[in-house]
Structures are given as C-alpha cells and as structure tokens.
C-alpha atoms as a PDB file:
ATOM      1  CA  UNK A   1      78.452 111.852  61.752  1.00  0.00           C
ATOM      2  CA  UNK A   2      74.715 111.591  60.967  1.00  0.00           C
ATOM      3  CA  UNK A   3      72.168 109.519  62.626  1.00  0.00           C
ATOM      4  CA  UNK A   4      68.625 108.033  61.697  1.00  0.00           C
ATOM      5  CA  UNK A   5      66.340 107.572  64.658  1.00  0.00           C
ATOM      6  CA  UNK A   6      62.883 105.668  65.106  1.00  0.00           C
ATOM      7  CA  UNK A   7      59.582 106.750  66.384  1.00  0.00           C
ATOM      8  CA  UNK A   8      60.758 106.024  70.181  1.00  0.00           C
ATOM      9  CA  UNK A   9      63.804 108.468  69.283  1.00  0.00           C
ATOM     10  CA  UNK A  10      66.080 105.779  69.405  1.00  0.00           C
ATOM     11  CA  UNK A  11      69.141 105.759  66.716  1.00  0.00           C
ATOM     12  CA  UNK A  12      69.111 102.912  64.273  1.00  0.00           C
ATOM     13  CA  UNK A  13      71.617 103.900  61.797  1.00  0.00           C
ATOM     14  CA  UNK A  14      74.848 106.213  61.316  1.00  0.00           C
ATOM     15  CA  UNK A  15      76.463 107.582  58.357  1.00  0.00           C
ATOM     16  CA  UNK A  16      78.920 110.357  57.327  1.00  0.00           C
ATOM     17  CA  UNK A  17      76.067 111.144  54.682  1.00  0.00           C
ATOM     18  CA  UNK A  18      72.931 112.843  55.117  1.00  0.00           C
ATOM     19  CA  UNK A  19      69.723 110.491  55.797  1.00  0.00           C
ATOM     20  CA  UNK A  20      66.211 111.197  54.647  1.00  0.00           C
ATOM     21  CA  UNK A  21      63.519 111.500  57.006  1.00  0.00           C
ATOM     22  CA  UNK A  22      64.154 111.586  60.798  1.00  0.00           C
ATOM     23  CA  UNK A  23      67.622 112.426  61.122  1.00  0.00           C
ATOM     24  CA  UNK A  24      70.238 114.463  63.194  1.00  0.00           C
ATOM     25  CA  UNK A  25      74.120 114.970  63.511  1.00  0.00           C
ATOM     26  CA  UNK A  26      76.806 115.262  66.048  1.00  0.00           C
ATOM     27  CA  UNK A  27      80.500 115.339  66.262  1.00  0.00           C
ATOM     28  CA  UNK A  28      80.527 112.277  68.323  1.00  0.00           C
ATOM     29  CA  UNK A  29      80.693 108.700  66.623  1.00  0.00           C
ATOM     30  CA  UNK A  30      78.220 107.050  69.205  1.00  0.00           C
ATOM     31  CA  UNK A  31      78.918 103.209  69.799  1.00  0.00           C
ATOM     32  CA  UNK A  32      75.604 101.645  68.494  1.00  0.00           C
ATOM     33  CA  UNK A  33      77.006  98.333  68.789  1.00  0.00           C
ATOM     34  CA  UNK A  34      77.229  98.077  72.493  1.00  0.00           C
ATOM     35  CA  UNK A  35      74.823 100.718  73.370  1.00  0.00           C
ATOM     36  CA  UNK A  36      71.279 101.898  72.417  1.00  0.00           C
ATOM     37  CA  UNK A  37      71.449 105.629  72.082  1.00  0.00           C
ATOM     38  CA  UNK A  38      68.043 107.742  72.693  1.00  0.00           C
ATOM     39  CA  UNK A  39      68.028 111.175  71.298  1.00  0.00           C
ATOM     40  CA  UNK A  40      66.608 113.583  74.090  1.00  0.00           C
ATOM     41  CA  UNK A  41      66.649 116.745  72.268  1.00  0.00           C
ATOM     42  CA  UNK A  42      67.425 118.165  68.725  1.00  0.00           C
ATOM     43  CA  UNK A  43      68.239 121.533  68.069  1.00  0.00           C
ATOM     44  CA  UNK A  44      66.627 123.310  64.793  1.00  0.00           C
ATOM     45  CA  UNK A  45      69.709 122.593  62.706  1.00  0.00           C
ATOM     46  CA  UNK A  46      69.535 118.909  63.425  1.00  0.00           C
ATOM     47  CA  UNK A  47      72.602 118.918  66.108  1.00  0.00           C
ATOM     48  CA  UNK A  48      71.655 116.505  68.832  1.00  0.00           C
ATOM     49  CA  UNK A  49      71.712 118.409  72.003  1.00  0.00           C
ATOM     50  CA  UNK A  50      71.304 115.457  74.369  1.00  0.00           C
ATOM     51  CA  UNK A  51      71.073 111.765  74.510  1.00  0.00           C
ATOM     52  CA  UNK A  52      70.887 108.800  76.861  1.00  0.00           C
ATOM     53  CA  UNK A  53      73.026 105.789  76.507  1.00  0.00           C
ATOM     54  CA  UNK A  54      71.453 102.516  77.592  1.00  0.00           C
ATOM     55  CA  UNK A  55      73.612  99.298  77.621  1.00  0.00           C
ATOM     56  CA  UNK A  56      72.525  96.619  75.253  1.00  0.00           C
ATOM     57  CA  UNK A  57      71.086  93.397  76.744  1.00  0.00           C
ATOM     58  CA  UNK A  58      74.281  91.202  75.666  1.00  0.00           C
ATOM     59  CA  UNK A  59      76.563  93.666  77.504  1.00  0.00           C
ATOM     60  CA  UNK A  60      74.318  94.076  80.337  1.00  0.00           C
ATOM     61  CA  UNK A  61      74.445  90.206  80.714  1.00  0.00           C
ATOM     62  CA  UNK A  62      77.880  90.356  80.221  1.00  0.00           C
ATOM     63  CA  UNK A  63      78.857  92.809  82.765  1.00  0.00           C
ATOM     64  CA  UNK A  64      76.616  91.247  85.489  1.00  0.00           C
ATOM     65  CA  UNK A  65      78.345  87.782  84.807  1.00  0.00           C
ATOM     66  CA  UNK A  66      81.730  89.721  85.387  1.00  0.00           C
ATOM     67  CA  UNK A  67      80.448  91.261  88.574  1.00  0.00           C
ATOM     68  CA  UNK A  68      79.410  88.031  89.655  1.00  0.00           C
ATOM     69  CA  UNK A  69      82.851  86.241  88.569  1.00  0.00           C
ATOM     70  CA  UNK A  70      84.645  89.158  90.545  1.00  0.00           C
ATOM     71  CA  UNK A  71      82.253  88.396  93.866  1.00  0.00           C
ATOM     72  CA  UNK A  72      83.060  84.516  93.581  1.00  0.00           C
ATOM     73  CA  UNK A  73      86.797  85.420  93.090  1.00  0.00           C
ATOM     74  CA  UNK A  74      87.215  87.608  96.007  1.00  0.00           C
ATOM     75  CA  UNK A  75      85.108  85.092  98.052  1.00  0.00           C
ATOM     76  CA  UNK A  76      87.210  82.445  97.112  1.00  0.00           C
ATOM     77  CA  UNK A  77      90.297  84.448  97.494  1.00  0.00           C
ATOM     78  CA  UNK A  78      89.203  85.187 101.069  1.00  0.00           C
ATOM     79  CA  UNK A  79      88.331  81.589 101.777  1.00  0.00           C
ATOM     80  CA  UNK A  80      91.804  80.270 100.564  1.00  0.00           C
ATOM     81  CA  UNK A  81      93.711  82.988 102.744  1.00  0.00           C
ATOM     82  CA  UNK A  82      91.598  81.921 105.786  1.00  0.00           C
ATOM     83  CA  UNK A  83      92.542  78.260 105.055  1.00  0.00           C
ATOM     84  CA  UNK A  84      96.147  79.160 104.764  1.00  0.00           C
ATOM     85  CA  UNK A  85      96.140  81.054 107.852  1.00  0.00           C
ATOM     86  CA  UNK A  86      94.440  78.053 109.707  1.00  0.00           C
ATOM     87  CA  UNK A  87      97.011  75.641 108.238  1.00  0.00           C
ATOM     88  CA  UNK A  88      99.619  77.897 109.240  1.00  0.00           C
ATOM     89  CA  UNK A  89      98.337  78.213 112.992  1.00  0.00           C
ATOM     90  CA  UNK A  90      97.982  74.608 113.021  1.00  0.00           C
ATOM     91  CA  UNK A  91     101.555  73.523 111.660  1.00  0.00           C
ATOM     92  CA  UNK A  92     102.711  76.392 114.285  1.00  0.00           C
ATOM     93  CA  UNK A  93     100.572  74.368 117.125  1.00  0.00           C
ATOM     94  CA  UNK A  94     102.381  71.237 115.783  1.00  0.00           C
ATOM     95  CA  UNK A  95     105.893  72.712 115.893  1.00  0.00           C
ATOM     96  CA  UNK A  96     105.604  74.101 119.467  1.00  0.00           C
ATOM     97  CA  UNK A  97     104.194  70.837 120.642  1.00  0.00           C
ATOM     98  CA  UNK A  98     107.096  68.765 118.784  1.00  0.00           C
ATOM     99  CA  UNK A  99     109.376  71.153 120.737  1.00  0.00           C
ATOM    100  CA  UNK A 100     107.924  70.626 124.052  1.00  0.00           C
ATOM    101  CA  UNK A 101     108.351  66.813 123.426  1.00  0.00           C
ATOM    102  CA  UNK A 102     111.843  67.291 122.446  1.00  0.00           C
ATOM    103  CA  UNK A 103     112.408  69.321 125.709  1.00  0.00           C
ATOM    104  CA  UNK A 104     110.694  66.737 127.872  1.00  0.00           C
ATOM    105  CA  UNK A 105     112.675  63.805 126.211  1.00  0.00           C
ATOM    106  CA  UNK A 106     115.959  65.976 126.703  1.00  0.00           C
ATOM    107  CA  UNK A 107     115.768  66.019 130.342  1.00  0.00           C
END
C-alpha cells in the first residue's frame, strides 16, 4: 500500500498505486478513517519504519462517551443492587415481626 503524507508527516491518502511527491509504502493497510497516522521515519527506499496512530476527534468523543456511559451504568447497577438489598432486608424485618405477632396471638 502506498501513502502520501503532508508537511506535518501525517498520511493524507492511500492507494495501491505509487503517488508523486512525498510518499511512502508499507504492507499494512492503515485505517485512515478512524485514526490519524503520522509517519515517524521512512527508509531510503520509502518503506515506513515507524508511525504514530492518533484517534480522530469523533472517535475520541465516542470513546469518552462510551466510558461515561459505562461508568453511569455501573453506578446505576450498584444503586439498584443496594436498593434491592435494602428492600429484601425490610421485607425480612416485616416477615419477622409478622411471625412474632402471630406467636403472641397464638399464646
């Protein structure tokens, strides 16, 4: 796969054909839709030796939103569990009182 990069070394295009100008190549088909790929170093023959993958802003926003949703879900699940446990304890207390009342009434 051939890649064309800009003056900041960020890959801006990819193709199976060779580009004119600042270009390089690599066996990897980099995901330019979801990530910004910055070329770190290139061999004399144009082979990419190192890159840095940076999440695109939309993906970053999505991932942050997912993390917040996951944290909120965990918090709500814990609150629901605590409420369920409190309800079960209250129901047990009521049942125990009812049993005591029944014992007193039967005497």
